[in-house]
Each structure stands twice: as structure tokens, then as C-alpha cells.
């Protein structure tokens, strides 16, 4: 059984951008993560140890994003994908990061990146 976990609207603050004012003041980012994982064992056993631990992943994302600075949303997305990649049960993932108020007259600018586990 394939299950889909969605972490929606994780609101964090970080240094994002390459302009001088962006390097001295933290800005809001909104992160959405979708994980497709093999939940067969979790569904059969009802045991948390057989499930994808999204709480641990979320804590790792918070630590990574809030403790670093980024020039580009693409780099931030790649760093989050790097946190997901070692999770054996995750078959594919998508990360979308919004930077509110990045453009005048726009609600936000976002970057979306994906990961698909390669079959061996």
C-alpha cells in the first residue's frame, strides 16, 4: 500500500536571497512536503516503528533551514531533499518552498523540486 504524507505550510524564518538587505534580516518561507511511501507494514502492524516518521523529518527540516543561509530557493529545496533521500521507505517526494513578498504585486515566488527513488 502506498500512503501519501503531506506536511503543509511549515512556516520558518531564514536568511534567503542574495541582495544585501536579504542577507541581514531573516525572511519567512513556507514549505510544503509530500512523501509517497510504502506503508504496507505500518498498515498491517499498526506500529509506529513501521511508519514514516514525519515528526523527526520535520525537526530536521526546521534545524537545517533556520540554522543556514541560502542565496537561492533551489539550494534550500535540494537540502531538504537531501534529508529525505536516506529514508528507505520513501519512494518519491516533492518539496515546494514559497518566499512571500519576493515580487511586488505577487503573493509569493515558489520553487518545487522532486525526488524519485531509483529501482536497483
N, C-alpha and C. Protein backbone atom coordinates (compact mmCIF):
# COMPACT_ATOMS: atom_id res chain seq x y z
N UNK A 1 0.84 -1.17 0.00
CA UNK A 1 0.00 0.00 0.00
C UNK A 1 0.89 1.24 0.00
N UNK A 2 0.59 2.16 -0.87
CA UNK A 2 1.31 3.42 -0.93
C UNK A 2 0.49 4.47 -0.17
N UNK A 3 1.13 5.14 0.76
CA UNK A 3 0.49 6.23 1.50
C UNK A 3 1.17 7.54 1.12
N UNK A 4 0.41 8.60 1.24
CA UNK A 4 0.92 9.94 0.95
C UNK A 4 0.82 10.77 2.21
N UNK A 5 1.96 11.27 2.66
CA UNK A 5 2.01 12.18 3.81
C UNK A 5 2.26 13.57 3.26
N UNK A 6 1.49 14.53 3.75
CA UNK A 6 1.69 15.92 3.34
C UNK A 6 1.97 16.76 4.58
N UNK A 7 3.09 17.42 4.57
CA UNK A 7 3.42 18.41 5.59
C UNK A 7 3.10 19.76 4.95
N UNK A 8 2.07 20.41 5.47
CA UNK A 8 1.54 21.60 4.80
C UNK A 8 1.88 22.88 5.56
N UNK A 9 2.37 23.84 4.80
CA UNK A 9 2.56 25.21 5.28
C UNK A 9 3.43 25.30 6.54
N UNK A 10 4.57 24.66 6.48
CA UNK A 10 5.56 24.78 7.54
C UNK A 10 6.19 26.16 7.41
N UNK A 11 5.94 27.02 8.37
CA UNK A 11 6.37 28.42 8.29
C UNK A 11 7.64 28.61 9.10
N UNK A 12 8.72 28.95 8.40
CA UNK A 12 10.02 29.13 9.04
C UNK A 12 10.60 30.48 8.65
N UNK A 13 11.65 30.88 9.37
CA UNK A 13 12.36 32.12 9.07
C UNK A 13 13.82 31.78 8.85
N UNK A 14 14.38 32.37 7.79
CA UNK A 14 15.77 32.11 7.46
C UNK A 14 16.31 33.27 6.63
N UNK A 15 17.61 33.25 6.42
CA UNK A 15 18.23 34.20 5.51
C UNK A 15 18.14 33.60 4.12
N UNK A 16 17.38 34.26 3.23
CA UNK A 16 17.19 33.75 1.88
C UNK A 16 17.27 34.92 0.90
N UNK A 17 18.19 34.79 -0.04
CA UNK A 17 18.36 35.82 -1.06
C UNK A 17 19.81 36.26 -1.13
N UNK A 18 20.10 37.03 -2.15
CA UNK A 18 21.49 37.46 -2.36
C UNK A 18 21.65 38.97 -2.31
N UNK A 19 20.54 39.69 -2.19
CA UNK A 19 20.64 41.15 -2.04
C UNK A 19 21.06 41.48 -0.61
N UNK A 20 21.71 42.62 -0.44
CA UNK A 20 22.26 42.99 0.86
C UNK A 20 21.22 42.95 1.98
N UNK A 21 20.04 43.53 1.73
CA UNK A 21 19.02 43.57 2.78
C UNK A 21 18.50 42.17 3.13
N UNK A 22 18.59 41.24 2.16
CA UNK A 22 18.15 39.86 2.42
C UNK A 22 19.18 39.09 3.24
N UNK A 23 20.40 39.56 3.27
CA UNK A 23 21.47 38.87 3.99
C UNK A 23 21.55 39.29 5.46
N UNK A 24 20.83 40.36 5.82
CA UNK A 24 20.92 40.85 7.20
C UNK A 24 19.61 40.68 7.99
N UNK A 25 18.53 40.32 7.32
CA UNK A 25 17.25 40.18 8.00
C UNK A 25 16.58 38.87 7.55
N UNK A 26 16.21 38.05 8.53
CA UNK A 26 15.54 36.79 8.20
C UNK A 26 14.19 37.07 7.55
N UNK A 27 13.83 36.18 6.63
CA UNK A 27 12.56 36.28 5.93
C UNK A 27 11.75 35.00 6.14
N UNK A 28 10.45 35.13 5.93
CA UNK A 28 9.57 33.97 6.03
C UNK A 28 9.69 33.12 4.78
N UNK A 29 9.62 31.82 4.99
CA UNK A 29 9.44 30.87 3.90
C UNK A 29 8.34 29.91 4.33
N UNK A 30 7.62 29.39 3.36
CA UNK A 30 6.56 28.42 3.62
C UNK A 30 6.90 27.15 2.85
N UNK A 31 7.02 26.05 3.58
CA UNK A 31 7.48 24.80 2.99
C UNK A 31 6.36 23.78 3.02
N UNK A 32 6.15 23.14 1.88
CA UNK A 32 5.21 22.02 1.76
C UNK A 32 5.99 20.81 1.27
N UNK A 33 5.78 19.69 1.94
CA UNK A 33 6.49 18.45 1.60
C UNK A 33 5.46 17.35 1.40
N UNK A 34 5.58 16.63 0.30
CA UNK A 34 4.73 15.47 0.04
C UNK A 34 5.63 14.25 -0.05
N UNK A 35 5.30 13.23 0.75
CA UNK A 35 6.07 11.99 0.78
C UNK A 35 5.17 10.83 0.37
N UNK A 36 5.58 10.10 -0.65
CA UNK A 36 4.90 8.85 -1.02
C UNK A 36 5.75 7.73 -0.47
N UNK A 37 5.14 6.87 0.37
CA UNK A 37 5.95 5.81 0.95
C UNK A 37 5.18 4.51 1.02
N UNK A 38 5.94 3.44 1.11
CA UNK A 38 5.36 2.10 1.21
C UNK A 38 4.90 1.90 2.64
N UNK A 39 3.59 1.98 2.85
CA UNK A 39 3.01 1.88 4.19
C UNK A 39 2.42 0.50 4.45
N UNK A 40 2.81 -0.48 3.66
CA UNK A 40 2.25 -1.82 3.81
C UNK A 40 2.44 -2.35 5.23
N UNK A 41 3.67 -2.30 5.72
CA UNK A 41 3.96 -2.82 7.06
C UNK A 41 3.23 -2.01 8.13
N UNK A 42 3.23 -0.70 8.02
CA UNK A 42 2.56 0.15 9.01
C UNK A 42 1.06 -0.15 9.07
N UNK A 43 0.45 -0.35 7.91
CA UNK A 43 -0.98 -0.63 7.86
C UNK A 43 -1.31 -1.99 8.46
N UNK A 44 -0.41 -2.94 8.31
CA UNK A 44 -0.66 -4.28 8.84
C UNK A 44 -0.41 -4.36 10.34
N UNK A 45 0.66 -3.71 10.81
CA UNK A 45 1.07 -3.87 12.22
C UNK A 45 0.50 -2.79 13.14
N UNK A 46 0.11 -1.65 12.57
CA UNK A 46 -0.34 -0.50 13.37
C UNK A 46 0.75 -0.08 14.36
N UNK A 47 2.01 -0.25 13.94
CA UNK A 47 3.17 0.05 14.78
C UNK A 47 3.89 1.26 14.21
N UNK A 48 4.11 2.26 15.05
CA UNK A 48 4.75 3.50 14.62
C UNK A 48 6.16 3.24 14.06
N UNK A 49 6.83 2.20 14.54
CA UNK A 49 8.17 1.89 14.04
C UNK A 49 8.16 1.44 12.59
N UNK A 50 7.00 1.04 12.08
CA UNK A 50 6.88 0.62 10.68
C UNK A 50 6.41 1.75 9.77
N UNK A 51 6.18 2.91 10.33
CA UNK A 51 5.66 4.05 9.56
C UNK A 51 6.79 5.04 9.25
N UNK A 52 6.53 5.93 8.34
CA UNK A 52 7.46 7.02 8.02
C UNK A 52 7.34 8.07 9.13
N UNK A 53 8.45 8.37 9.78
CA UNK A 53 8.43 9.28 10.92
C UNK A 53 8.56 10.72 10.44
N UNK A 54 7.43 11.33 10.12
CA UNK A 54 7.44 12.69 9.59
C UNK A 54 7.78 13.72 10.67
N UNK A 55 7.59 13.39 11.95
CA UNK A 55 7.94 14.32 13.02
C UNK A 55 9.45 14.53 13.08
N UNK A 56 10.21 13.44 13.00
CA UNK A 56 11.68 13.54 13.01
C UNK A 56 12.15 14.32 11.78
N UNK A 57 11.59 14.01 10.62
CA UNK A 57 11.96 14.72 9.39
C UNK A 57 11.67 16.22 9.52
N UNK A 58 10.51 16.56 10.06
CA UNK A 58 10.15 17.97 10.20
C UNK A 58 11.13 18.71 11.12
N UNK A 59 11.53 18.07 12.20
CA UNK A 59 12.52 18.68 13.10
C UNK A 59 13.85 18.90 12.37
N UNK A 60 14.24 17.96 11.52
CA UNK A 60 15.48 18.10 10.75
C UNK A 60 15.37 19.26 9.76
N UNK A 61 14.21 19.38 9.11
CA UNK A 61 14.00 20.47 8.16
C UNK A 61 14.08 21.82 8.89
N UNK A 62 13.43 21.93 10.03
CA UNK A 62 13.45 23.17 10.81
C UNK A 62 14.89 23.54 11.17
N UNK A 63 15.63 22.58 11.67
CA UNK A 63 17.03 22.83 12.07
C UNK A 63 17.86 23.28 10.88
N UNK A 64 17.73 22.57 9.75
CA UNK A 64 18.54 22.90 8.57
C UNK A 64 18.20 24.28 8.03
N UNK A 65 16.93 24.57 7.86
CA UNK A 65 16.51 25.83 7.24
C UNK A 65 16.81 27.02 8.14
N UNK A 66 16.53 26.90 9.43
CA UNK A 66 16.69 28.05 10.31
C UNK A 66 18.14 28.30 10.74
N UNK A 67 19.00 27.30 10.57
CA UNK A 67 20.39 27.48 11.01
C UNK A 67 21.34 27.85 9.87
N UNK A 68 20.86 27.85 8.64
CA UNK A 68 21.71 28.17 7.49
C UNK A 68 21.18 29.40 6.77
N UNK A 69 21.98 29.88 5.84
CA UNK A 69 21.51 30.93 4.94
C UNK A 69 21.63 30.41 3.51
N UNK A 70 20.77 30.93 2.66
CA UNK A 70 20.68 30.45 1.28
C UNK A 70 20.60 31.63 0.33
N UNK A 71 21.28 31.53 -0.78
CA UNK A 71 21.11 32.51 -1.84
C UNK A 71 19.85 32.22 -2.64
N UNK A 72 19.58 30.93 -2.85
CA UNK A 72 18.51 30.52 -3.76
C UNK A 72 17.54 29.53 -3.09
N UNK A 73 16.28 29.63 -3.48
CA UNK A 73 15.28 28.65 -3.04
C UNK A 73 15.64 27.25 -3.54
N UNK A 74 16.28 27.18 -4.70
CA UNK A 74 16.68 25.88 -5.25
C UNK A 74 17.64 25.14 -4.32
N UNK A 75 18.55 25.85 -3.72
CA UNK A 75 19.50 25.24 -2.78
C UNK A 75 18.78 24.76 -1.53
N UNK A 76 17.86 25.56 -1.03
CA UNK A 76 17.10 25.16 0.15
C UNK A 76 16.30 23.89 -0.15
N UNK A 77 15.66 23.84 -1.31
CA UNK A 77 14.89 22.66 -1.70
C UNK A 77 15.81 21.44 -1.82
N UNK A 78 16.98 21.62 -2.40
CA UNK A 78 17.93 20.50 -2.53
C UNK A 78 18.38 20.00 -1.17
N UNK A 79 18.60 20.90 -0.23
CA UNK A 79 18.99 20.49 1.12
C UNK A 79 17.89 19.68 1.80
N UNK A 80 16.65 20.06 1.59
CA UNK A 80 15.53 19.31 2.17
C UNK A 80 15.41 17.94 1.51
N UNK A 81 15.58 17.89 0.20
CA UNK A 81 15.58 16.59 -0.50
C UNK A 81 16.69 15.70 0.06
N UNK A 82 17.84 16.28 0.36
CA UNK A 82 18.95 15.50 0.94
C UNK A 82 18.59 14.91 2.29
N UNK A 83 17.71 15.55 3.04
CA UNK A 83 17.24 14.99 4.30
C UNK A 83 16.27 13.83 4.08
N UNK A 84 15.53 13.88 2.98
CA UNK A 84 14.53 12.85 2.67
C UNK A 84 15.17 11.61 2.05
N UNK A 85 16.18 11.81 1.23
CA UNK A 85 16.80 10.73 0.45
C UNK A 85 17.17 9.49 1.29
N UNK A 86 17.71 9.62 2.50
CA UNK A 86 18.08 8.42 3.28
C UNK A 86 16.90 7.62 3.83
N UNK A 87 15.70 8.14 3.76
CA UNK A 87 14.54 7.43 4.31
C UNK A 87 14.17 6.29 3.37
N UNK A 88 14.51 5.08 3.76
CA UNK A 88 14.33 3.91 2.89
C UNK A 88 12.91 3.72 2.40
N UNK A 89 11.93 4.02 3.26
CA UNK A 89 10.54 3.76 2.91
C UNK A 89 9.96 4.77 1.93
N UNK A 90 10.61 5.94 1.76
CA UNK A 90 10.09 6.97 0.87
C UNK A 90 10.43 6.63 -0.57
N UNK A 91 9.39 6.50 -1.38
CA UNK A 91 9.55 6.15 -2.80
C UNK A 91 9.70 7.39 -3.67
N UNK A 92 9.01 8.44 -3.29
CA UNK A 92 9.16 9.71 -4.00
C UNK A 92 8.72 10.83 -3.09
N UNK A 93 9.22 12.02 -3.38
CA UNK A 93 8.91 13.19 -2.56
C UNK A 93 8.89 14.44 -3.43
N UNK A 94 8.15 15.41 -2.96
CA UNK A 94 8.12 16.71 -3.60
C UNK A 94 8.21 17.77 -2.51
N UNK A 95 9.02 18.77 -2.75
CA UNK A 95 9.19 19.89 -1.84
C UNK A 95 8.85 21.16 -2.60
N UNK A 96 7.99 21.97 -2.01
CA UNK A 96 7.69 23.28 -2.58
C UNK A 96 7.96 24.33 -1.51
N UNK A 97 8.72 25.35 -1.89
CA UNK A 97 9.06 26.42 -0.96
C UNK A 97 8.58 27.75 -1.54
N UNK A 98 7.78 28.45 -0.75
CA UNK A 98 7.30 29.77 -1.13
C UNK A 98 8.08 30.83 -0.38
N UNK A 99 8.41 31.89 -1.08
CA UNK A 99 9.03 33.08 -0.48
C UNK A 99 8.03 34.23 -0.64
N UNK A 100 7.24 34.48 0.41
CA UNK A 100 6.22 35.54 0.30
C UNK A 100 6.86 36.90 0.05
N UNK A 101 6.18 37.71 -0.71
CA UNK A 101 6.56 39.09 -0.96
C UNK A 101 7.90 39.22 -1.70
N UNK A 102 8.31 38.18 -2.41
CA UNK A 102 9.56 38.25 -3.16
C UNK A 102 9.43 39.20 -4.36
N UNK A 103 8.23 39.29 -4.89
CA UNK A 103 7.98 40.18 -6.01
C UNK A 103 6.84 41.13 -5.69
N UNK A 104 7.01 42.35 -6.08
CA UNK A 104 5.94 43.32 -5.93
C UNK A 104 4.75 42.85 -6.78
N UNK A 105 3.58 42.95 -6.26
CA UNK A 105 2.33 42.57 -6.93
C UNK A 105 2.09 41.06 -6.97
N UNK A 106 2.95 40.26 -6.34
CA UNK A 106 2.74 38.81 -6.29
C UNK A 106 2.69 38.36 -4.83
N UNK A 107 1.84 37.38 -4.56
CA UNK A 107 1.76 36.85 -3.19
C UNK A 107 3.08 36.20 -2.78
N UNK A 108 3.68 35.47 -3.72
CA UNK A 108 4.94 34.79 -3.41
C UNK A 108 5.58 34.29 -4.69
N UNK A 109 6.81 33.81 -4.53
CA UNK A 109 7.51 33.07 -5.57
C UNK A 109 7.81 31.71 -4.96
N UNK A 110 7.67 30.66 -5.75
CA UNK A 110 7.96 29.34 -5.19
C UNK A 110 8.83 28.53 -6.14
N UNK A 111 9.51 27.58 -5.52
CA UNK A 111 10.30 26.59 -6.25
C UNK A 111 9.81 25.23 -5.81
N UNK A 112 9.67 24.32 -6.78
CA UNK A 112 9.25 22.96 -6.49
C UNK A 112 10.33 22.01 -6.99
N UNK A 113 10.71 21.05 -6.14
CA UNK A 113 11.73 20.06 -6.50
C UNK A 113 11.22 18.68 -6.11
N UNK A 114 11.67 17.67 -6.86
CA UNK A 114 11.20 16.32 -6.59
C UNK A 114 12.31 15.33 -6.46
N UNK A 115 11.95 14.19 -5.91
CA UNK A 115 12.88 13.07 -5.71
C UNK A 115 12.13 11.78 -5.98
N UNK A 116 12.74 10.91 -6.77
CA UNK A 116 12.19 9.57 -7.04
C UNK A 116 13.27 8.56 -6.75
N UNK A 117 12.95 7.60 -5.90
CA UNK A 117 13.91 6.55 -5.58
C UNK A 117 14.14 5.70 -6.83
N UNK A 118 15.38 5.48 -7.15
CA UNK A 118 15.70 4.64 -8.31
C UNK A 118 15.60 3.18 -7.93
N UNK A 119 15.04 2.39 -8.82
CA UNK A 119 14.96 0.95 -8.58
C UNK A 119 16.31 0.33 -8.88
N UNK A 120 16.74 -0.55 -7.99
CA UNK A 120 18.05 -1.19 -8.19
C UNK A 120 17.96 -2.45 -9.00
